[in-house]
Amino acid sequence: MKKILVIDVGGRHVKLMISRTKRRKFKSGVGMTPREMVSQIKPLIADWKFDFVSMGFPSPVTNGRIASEPKHLGEGWIGFDFEKALGKPVRLINDAAMQALGSYHGGGRMLFLGLGTGLGSALVWEKTLLPLELGDLPYHHRSIIEDYLGVPGLGLLGEKEWKREVIHSVKQLKRSFIADYIVLGGGNAHRFDTLPKGIERGQNENAFLGGTRLWQTKGHSRQPKWRVL
């Protein structure tokens, strides 16, 4: 049975998971480089045995490669060789897409929105995953939507008004993507005690399931079970 290390890189923390319950983390932040991250990871996983690595990263990822430097971390991520640094095969994907993959429970088309430092997003249906970058959509006063739905919006609007803004925008996005349901994940999803019908709160642990699904194959073949567009 494949043993998978899941690394969930965020703007505030890096989370390491070898199972749903066995997890460790450390702080990230605007100055963190890939070499610094790896140097902090290695002592934390020294007693864990694993065969493969899945990494969720807070930036667009194309064909398993980081396509642009992250907004909320340091520099030097494009072209960094994680397989060489970690000594295991690595599958890299956008962090919101990885959590979306683990949050999907069938039932048609699911839109995932990660309410974290920014706004992560992905669309999942059947065995297909489409990472999105909805955080850059134009919004009020020539800003972008993640400025209002992410951490900056919480500070700008206050929690009560921020919640109203989130629900209004989420309902509009649900219609736009013809989604059967929406899952809200990320560090600020816990602020909602109740949600409208068709919108549900995800669990941070779903990132681990998403990471393991990246290595699932069709039957006895080597073809990936999930298609990442």
Protein backbone atom coordinates (compact mmCIF):
# COMPACT_ATOMS: atom_id res chain seq x y z
CA MET A 1 0.00 0.00 0.00
CA LYS A 2 1.33 3.45 -0.97
CA LYS A 3 2.39 5.62 1.97
CA ILE A 4 2.02 9.28 1.06
CA LEU A 5 3.37 12.39 2.72
CA VAL A 6 1.05 15.35 2.08
CA ILE A 7 2.51 18.87 2.30
CA ASP A 8 -0.01 21.71 2.37
CA VAL A 9 1.81 25.01 1.83
CA GLY A 10 -0.12 28.08 2.98
CA GLY A 11 0.55 31.77 3.40
CA ARG A 12 0.66 31.41 7.19
CA HIS A 13 1.58 27.76 7.87
CA VAL A 14 3.03 24.67 6.19
CA LYS A 15 1.14 21.54 7.26
CA LEU A 16 2.61 18.04 7.04
CA MET A 17 0.33 14.99 7.09
CA ILE A 18 1.09 11.28 6.96
CA SER A 19 -2.50 10.33 7.92
CA ARG A 20 -5.73 12.17 8.73
CA THR A 21 -4.74 12.40 12.41
CA LYS A 22 -0.92 12.42 12.31
CA ARG A 23 0.12 15.92 11.36
CA ARG A 24 2.70 18.59 12.12
CA LYS A 25 3.07 22.21 11.06
CA PHE A 26 5.30 25.27 11.17
CA LYS A 27 4.92 28.95 10.28
CA SER A 28 5.54 30.13 6.72
CA GLY A 29 5.18 33.83 5.79
CA VAL A 30 6.28 36.38 3.21
CA GLY A 31 10.00 35.65 3.48
CA MET A 32 9.95 31.85 3.19
CA THR A 33 11.96 30.39 0.30
CA PRO A 34 11.75 26.77 -0.92
CA ARG A 35 15.16 25.93 0.58
CA GLU A 36 14.09 27.31 3.96
CA MET A 37 10.86 25.32 3.79
CA VAL A 38 12.66 22.05 2.99
CA SER A 39 15.16 22.65 5.81
CA GLN A 40 12.26 22.96 8.27
CA ILE A 41 10.39 19.98 6.84
CA LYS A 42 13.22 17.44 7.06
CA PRO A 43 13.62 17.24 10.86
CA LEU A 44 9.83 17.10 11.31
CA ILE A 45 9.45 14.04 9.03
CA ALA A 46 12.64 12.21 10.04
CA ASP A 47 10.64 9.49 11.87
CA TRP A 48 7.97 9.11 9.16
CA LYS A 49 8.22 6.43 6.46
CA PHE A 50 6.64 7.29 3.09
CA ASP A 51 6.98 6.39 -0.59
CA PHE A 52 5.51 9.42 -2.37
CA VAL A 53 4.87 13.12 -1.75
CA SER A 54 1.86 15.25 -2.67
CA MET A 55 2.28 19.00 -2.34
CA GLY A 56 -0.39 21.68 -2.45
CA PHE A 57 1.08 25.08 -3.31
CA PRO A 58 -0.55 28.58 -3.16
CA SER A 59 0.13 29.61 -6.76
CA PRO A 60 -0.92 28.48 -10.24
CA VAL A 61 0.56 25.08 -11.10
CA THR A 62 0.75 23.87 -14.72
CA ASN A 63 1.65 20.27 -15.61
CA GLY A 64 3.03 19.70 -12.13
CA ARG A 65 5.23 22.80 -12.18
CA ILE A 66 4.85 26.10 -10.33
CA ALA A 67 3.84 28.64 -12.98
CA SER A 68 4.32 31.88 -11.01
CA GLU A 69 5.87 33.03 -7.75
CA PRO A 70 3.39 32.99 -4.82
CA LYS A 71 1.88 36.24 -3.56
CA HIS A 72 2.30 35.51 0.14
CA LEU A 73 5.69 33.73 0.33
CA GLY A 74 9.30 34.48 -0.64
CA GLU A 75 10.91 33.94 -4.05
CA GLY A 76 12.74 31.14 -5.85
CA TRP A 77 9.89 28.63 -6.20
CA ILE A 78 9.73 28.41 -10.00
CA GLY A 79 11.93 25.55 -11.17
CA PHE A 80 12.84 24.34 -7.67
CA ASP A 81 13.50 20.56 -7.69
CA PHE A 82 11.37 19.19 -4.83
CA GLU A 83 12.02 15.56 -5.83
CA LYS A 84 15.76 16.05 -5.43
CA ALA A 85 15.32 18.01 -2.19
CA LEU A 86 12.96 15.47 -0.58
CA GLY A 87 14.36 12.32 -2.18
CA LYS A 88 10.96 10.95 -3.24
CA PRO A 89 8.60 11.23 -6.25
CA VAL A 90 6.55 14.43 -5.88
CA ARG A 91 3.20 15.43 -7.40
CA LEU A 92 2.59 19.15 -7.18
CA ILE A 93 -0.78 20.85 -7.43
CA ASN A 94 -2.40 24.14 -6.40
CA ASP A 95 -3.23 24.03 -2.67
CA ALA A 96 -6.93 24.87 -3.10
CA ALA A 97 -7.20 22.25 -5.85
CA MET A 98 -5.75 19.61 -3.53
CA GLN A 99 -8.24 20.46 -0.81
CA ALA A 100 -11.03 20.54 -3.39
CA LEU A 101 -10.07 17.07 -4.60
CA GLY A 102 -10.35 15.77 -1.04
CA SER A 103 -13.62 17.62 -0.39
CA TYR A 104 -15.50 16.16 -3.35
CA HIS A 105 -18.08 13.54 -2.39
CA GLY A 106 -19.90 13.09 -5.68
CA GLY A 107 -23.27 14.64 -6.33
CA GLY A 108 -22.49 16.44 -9.57
CA ARG A 109 -20.41 19.59 -9.93
CA MET A 110 -18.66 21.03 -6.86
CA LEU A 111 -17.07 24.48 -6.62
CA PHE A 112 -14.46 24.81 -3.87
CA LEU A 113 -13.56 28.19 -2.37
CA GLY A 114 -10.72 28.51 0.13
CA LEU A 115 -11.18 31.41 2.54
CA GLY A 116 -7.58 31.87 3.65
CA THR A 117 -4.86 34.46 3.18
CA GLY A 118 -6.27 34.93 -0.32
CA LEU A 119 -9.09 33.12 -2.14
CA GLY A 120 -8.33 29.64 -3.46
CA SER A 121 -10.67 27.97 -5.92
CA ALA A 122 -11.25 24.82 -7.97
CA LEU A 123 -14.05 22.99 -9.76
CA VAL A 124 -14.54 19.21 -9.48
CA TRP A 125 -16.92 16.88 -11.33
CA GLU A 126 -16.90 13.10 -11.80
CA LYS A 127 -13.15 12.23 -11.95
CA THR A 128 -12.04 15.64 -13.22
CA LEU A 129 -10.38 18.53 -11.36
CA LEU A 130 -10.08 22.04 -12.80
CA PRO A 131 -7.91 24.42 -10.72
CA LEU A 132 -9.11 28.04 -10.91
CA GLU A 133 -7.76 31.48 -10.04
CA LEU A 134 -10.97 33.27 -9.08
CA GLY A 135 -9.14 35.42 -6.53
CA ASP A 136 -8.02 37.72 -9.36
CA LEU A 137 -11.54 38.51 -10.58
CA PRO A 138 -12.27 42.27 -10.70
CA TYR A 139 -14.30 43.47 -7.70
CA HIS A 140 -15.32 46.70 -5.91
CA HIS A 141 -13.38 49.93 -6.55
CA ARG A 142 -10.96 48.40 -9.06
CA SER A 143 -9.74 45.83 -6.55
CA ILE A 144 -9.91 42.03 -6.87
CA ILE A 145 -12.29 39.63 -5.15
CA GLU A 146 -9.71 38.09 -2.79
CA ASP A 147 -9.12 41.55 -1.29
CA TYR A 148 -12.65 41.31 0.08
CA LEU A 149 -13.15 37.57 0.67
CA GLY A 150 -9.62 36.87 1.93
CA VAL A 151 -7.91 38.00 5.14
CA PRO A 152 -7.63 41.67 4.01
CA GLY A 153 -11.41 41.85 3.60
CA LEU A 154 -11.98 40.53 7.10
CA GLY A 155 -9.90 43.35 8.52
CA LEU A 156 -11.47 45.95 6.22
CA LEU A 157 -15.12 45.03 6.71
CA GLY A 158 -15.26 43.44 10.16
CA GLU A 159 -16.50 39.89 10.67
CA LYS A 160 -20.27 40.54 10.42
CA GLU A 161 -20.12 42.48 7.14
CA TRP A 162 -17.41 40.17 5.79
CA LYS A 163 -19.71 37.17 6.27
CA ARG A 164 -22.47 38.92 4.32
CA GLU A 165 -20.01 39.73 1.53
CA VAL A 166 -18.81 36.12 1.36
CA ILE A 167 -22.31 34.64 1.19
CA HIS A 168 -23.41 37.15 -1.48
CA SER A 169 -20.36 36.43 -3.66
CA VAL A 170 -20.51 32.67 -3.13
CA LYS A 171 -24.15 32.53 -4.25
CA GLN A 172 -23.27 34.45 -7.41
CA LEU A 173 -20.34 32.14 -8.16
CA LYS A 174 -22.54 29.08 -7.59
CA ARG A 175 -24.90 30.33 -10.30
CA SER A 176 -22.04 31.31 -12.63
CA PHE A 177 -20.44 27.84 -12.53
CA ILE A 178 -23.78 25.99 -12.46
CA ALA A 179 -22.43 24.20 -9.37
CA ASP A 180 -24.59 21.65 -7.58
CA TYR A 181 -22.92 22.61 -4.31
CA ILE A 182 -20.10 24.70 -2.90
CA VAL A 183 -17.56 23.73 -0.25
CA LEU A 184 -15.95 26.53 1.77
CA GLY A 185 -12.51 25.62 3.06
CA GLY A 186 -9.47 27.51 4.30
CA GLY A 187 -8.64 28.98 7.67
CA ASN A 188 -11.64 31.32 7.90
CA ALA A 189 -14.41 28.91 6.92
CA HIS A 190 -14.84 28.03 10.61
CA ARG A 191 -16.28 31.51 11.22
CA PHE A 192 -19.62 30.39 9.74
CA ASP A 193 -21.91 28.60 12.20
CA THR A 194 -24.68 28.15 9.62
CA LEU A 195 -24.66 28.29 5.83
CA PRO A 196 -27.38 28.53 3.15
CA LYS A 197 -28.59 25.40 1.40
CA GLY A 198 -26.13 24.18 -1.22
CA ILE A 199 -23.12 25.62 0.63
CA GLU A 200 -21.19 23.51 3.14
CA ARG A 201 -18.12 23.91 5.27
CA GLY A 202 -15.13 21.73 4.42
CA GLN A 203 -12.56 20.21 6.75
CA ASN A 204 -8.84 21.03 6.68
CA GLU A 205 -8.17 17.28 6.89
CA ASN A 206 -9.60 16.97 3.36
CA ALA A 207 -6.24 18.19 2.06
CA PHE A 208 -4.80 14.82 3.11
CA LEU A 209 -7.47 12.91 1.19
CA GLY A 210 -6.84 15.14 -1.83
CA GLY A 211 -3.13 14.40 -1.62
CA THR A 212 -3.71 10.65 -1.51
CA ARG A 213 -6.16 10.83 -4.44
CA LEU A 214 -3.40 12.37 -6.57
CA TRP A 215 -1.63 8.99 -6.46
CA GLN A 216 -4.71 6.81 -7.08
CA THR A 217 -4.66 4.83 -10.32
CA LYS A 218 -7.29 3.18 -12.53
CA GLY A 219 -7.56 -0.47 -11.55
CA HIS A 220 -4.19 -2.20 -11.92
CA SER A 221 -2.85 0.32 -14.45
CA ARG A 222 -0.48 3.23 -13.81
CA GLN A 223 -2.92 5.79 -15.26
CA PRO A 224 -4.07 8.38 -12.71
CA LYS A 225 -7.66 7.93 -11.56
CA TRP A 226 -8.24 11.67 -11.41
CA ARG A 227 -7.74 13.94 -14.41
CA VAL A 228 -6.24 17.34 -13.50
CA LEU A 229 -6.84 19.92 -16.21
